[in-house]
Every structure is written in C-alpha cells, then in structure tokens.
C-alpha cells in the first residue's frame, strides 16, 4: 500500500509539473504575440508578469528536486569531460 501512495504522489507532482510547463509555454507565446501585435501596454505587460510568476513558481517547486535517475546520469561523462 505504501508503494501505491508513493506512486500516486509521484504522478500528481508529474502532472503539476506538466501543467506548469504547458502554461509557461503558452504564456510566453501569448506574451510575445501581444508585445509584437499591440506593443507595450497593460495587457501585454500583465501577460509577461503572469508568465514570470509561473516560471518562478515552477523553479521554487521543482528546481531543487532531482529525479530518481539522476544518480546514474551524473556518473556518465559527456563530450566535455
């Protein structure tokens, strides 16, 4: 039962991360289009601010989390070293 709870919690956080990422992408596109089409005005700046807040929230929530597979990835060496 404990494994099922962990799996469900992991899936919930993955879904939150996916939704935040989607909202960031859509916010960036909307902000860019608004800035290009309408110039700097209240609506376009509000869109930029909301997108920035979503990005900040995402970094605060997931910036320090390391995926379970990261320990194997850190042992691999890339072309740079």
C-alpha atoms as a PDB file:
ATOM      1  CA  UNK A   1       0.000   0.000   0.000  1.00  0.00           C
ATOM      2  CA  UNK A   2       2.866   2.364   0.767  1.00  0.00           C
ATOM      3  CA  UNK A   3       4.233   1.890  -2.749  1.00  0.00           C
ATOM      4  CA  UNK A   4       0.875   2.810  -4.275  1.00  0.00           C
ATOM      5  CA  UNK A   5       0.736   6.037  -2.251  1.00  0.00           C
ATOM      6  CA  UNK A   6       4.261   6.989  -3.363  1.00  0.00           C
ATOM      7  CA  UNK A   7       3.421   6.240  -6.987  1.00  0.00           C
ATOM      8  CA  UNK A   8       0.234   8.290  -6.807  1.00  0.00           C
ATOM      9  CA  UNK A   9       2.066  11.218  -5.219  1.00  0.00           C
ATOM     10  CA  UNK A  10       4.791  10.995  -7.853  1.00  0.00           C
ATOM     11  CA  UNK A  11       2.191  11.030 -10.632  1.00  0.00           C
ATOM     12  CA  UNK A  12       0.438  14.011  -9.049  1.00  0.00           C
ATOM     13  CA  UNK A  13       3.676  16.022  -8.942  1.00  0.00           C
ATOM     14  CA  UNK A  14       4.452  14.994 -12.525  1.00  0.00           C
ATOM     15  CA  UNK A  15       1.042  16.232 -13.643  1.00  0.00           C
ATOM     16  CA  UNK A  16       1.527  19.540 -11.811  1.00  0.00           C
ATOM     17  CA  UNK A  17       4.931  19.939 -13.437  1.00  0.00           C
ATOM     18  CA  UNK A  18       3.490  19.185 -16.868  1.00  0.00           C
ATOM     19  CA  UNK A  19       0.654  21.694 -16.431  1.00  0.00           C
ATOM     20  CA  UNK A  20       3.024  24.403 -15.201  1.00  0.00           C
ATOM     21  CA  UNK A  21       5.326  23.798 -18.152  1.00  0.00           C
ATOM     22  CA  UNK A  22       2.433  23.974 -20.589  1.00  0.00           C
ATOM     23  CA  UNK A  23       1.198  27.221 -19.026  1.00  0.00           C
ATOM     24  CA  UNK A  24       4.700  28.702 -19.221  1.00  0.00           C
ATOM     25  CA  UNK A  25       4.985  27.902 -22.918  1.00  0.00           C
ATOM     26  CA  UNK A  26       1.532  29.257 -23.695  1.00  0.00           C
ATOM     27  CA  UNK A  27       2.204  32.358 -21.598  1.00  0.00           C
ATOM     28  CA  UNK A  28       5.478  33.024 -23.392  1.00  0.00           C
ATOM     29  CA  UNK A  29       3.855  32.684 -26.808  1.00  0.00           C
ATOM     30  CA  UNK A  30       0.895  34.861 -25.809  1.00  0.00           C
ATOM     31  CA  UNK A  31       3.199  37.490 -24.299  1.00  0.00           C
ATOM     32  CA  UNK A  32       5.378  37.616 -27.391  1.00  0.00           C
ATOM     33  CA  UNK A  33       2.386  37.869 -29.714  1.00  0.00           C
ATOM     34  CA  UNK A  34       0.805  40.591 -27.600  1.00  0.00           C
ATOM     35  CA  UNK A  35       4.028  42.576 -27.471  1.00  0.00           C
ATOM     36  CA  UNK A  36       4.537  42.307 -31.232  1.00  0.00           C
ATOM     37  CA  UNK A  37       0.920  42.975 -32.206  1.00  0.00           C
ATOM     38  CA  UNK A  38      -0.146  45.580 -29.636  1.00  0.00           C
ATOM     39  CA  UNK A  39       3.108  46.960 -28.298  1.00  0.00           C
ATOM     40  CA  UNK A  40       3.821  47.656 -24.662  1.00  0.00           C
ATOM     41  CA  UNK A  41       0.519  48.103 -22.873  1.00  0.00           C
ATOM     42  CA  UNK A  42      -1.199  46.913 -19.714  1.00  0.00           C
ATOM     43  CA  UNK A  43      -2.414  43.612 -21.148  1.00  0.00           C
ATOM     44  CA  UNK A  44       0.902  42.587 -22.678  1.00  0.00           C
ATOM     45  CA  UNK A  45       2.837  43.524 -19.524  1.00  0.00           C
ATOM     46  CA  UNK A  46       0.336  41.637 -17.372  1.00  0.00           C
ATOM     47  CA  UNK A  47       0.872  38.588 -19.570  1.00  0.00           C
ATOM     48  CA  UNK A  48       4.637  38.881 -19.128  1.00  0.00           C
ATOM     49  CA  UNK A  49       4.275  39.214 -15.342  1.00  0.00           C
ATOM     50  CA  UNK A  50       1.939  36.215 -15.058  1.00  0.00           C
ATOM     51  CA  UNK A  51       4.303  34.116 -17.164  1.00  0.00           C
ATOM     52  CA  UNK A  52       7.214  35.192 -14.987  1.00  0.00           C
ATOM     53  CA  UNK A  53       5.279  34.251 -11.848  1.00  0.00           C
ATOM     54  CA  UNK A  54       4.515  30.818 -13.305  1.00  0.00           C
ATOM     55  CA  UNK A  55       8.196  30.326 -14.085  1.00  0.00           C
ATOM     56  CA  UNK A  56       9.193  31.410 -10.571  1.00  0.00           C
ATOM     57  CA  UNK A  57       6.651  29.021  -9.066  1.00  0.00           C
ATOM     58  CA  UNK A  58       7.972  26.188 -11.198  1.00  0.00           C
ATOM     59  CA  UNK A  59      11.577  26.867 -10.176  1.00  0.00           C
ATOM     60  CA  UNK A  60      10.623  27.064  -6.499  1.00  0.00           C
ATOM     61  CA  UNK A  61       8.642  23.830  -6.645  1.00  0.00           C
ATOM     62  CA  UNK A  62      10.869  21.743  -8.882  1.00  0.00           C
ATOM     63  CA  UNK A  63      14.251  23.461  -9.077  1.00  0.00           C
ATOM     64  CA  UNK A  64      15.798  21.533  -6.190  1.00  0.00           C
ATOM     65  CA  UNK A  65      14.187  18.189  -6.960  1.00  0.00           C
ATOM     66  CA  UNK A  66      16.434  15.606  -8.517  1.00  0.00           C
ATOM     67  CA  UNK A  67      14.844  12.785 -10.462  1.00  0.00           C
ATOM     68  CA  UNK A  68      15.441   9.241  -9.284  1.00  0.00           C
ATOM     69  CA  UNK A  69      17.502   8.514 -12.386  1.00  0.00           C
ATOM     70  CA  UNK A  70      19.836  11.477 -11.874  1.00  0.00           C
ATOM     71  CA  UNK A  71      22.438   9.490  -9.926  1.00  0.00           C
ATOM     72  CA  UNK A  72      23.095   7.334 -12.987  1.00  0.00           C
ATOM     73  CA  UNK A  73      23.160  10.337 -15.289  1.00  0.00           C
ATOM     74  CA  UNK A  74      25.721  12.176 -13.164  1.00  0.00           C
ATOM     75  CA  UNK A  75      28.123   9.240 -13.453  1.00  0.00           C
ATOM     76  CA  UNK A  76      28.136   9.436 -17.237  1.00  0.00           C
ATOM     77  CA  UNK A  77      30.609  11.719 -18.877  1.00  0.00           C
ATOM     78  CA  UNK A  78      29.687  13.737 -21.902  1.00  0.00           C
ATOM     79  CA  UNK A  79      31.850  15.081 -24.694  1.00  0.00           C
ATOM     80  CA  UNK A  80      33.024  17.902 -22.433  1.00  0.00           C
ATOM     81  CA  UNK A  81      34.733  15.769 -19.815  1.00  0.00           C
END
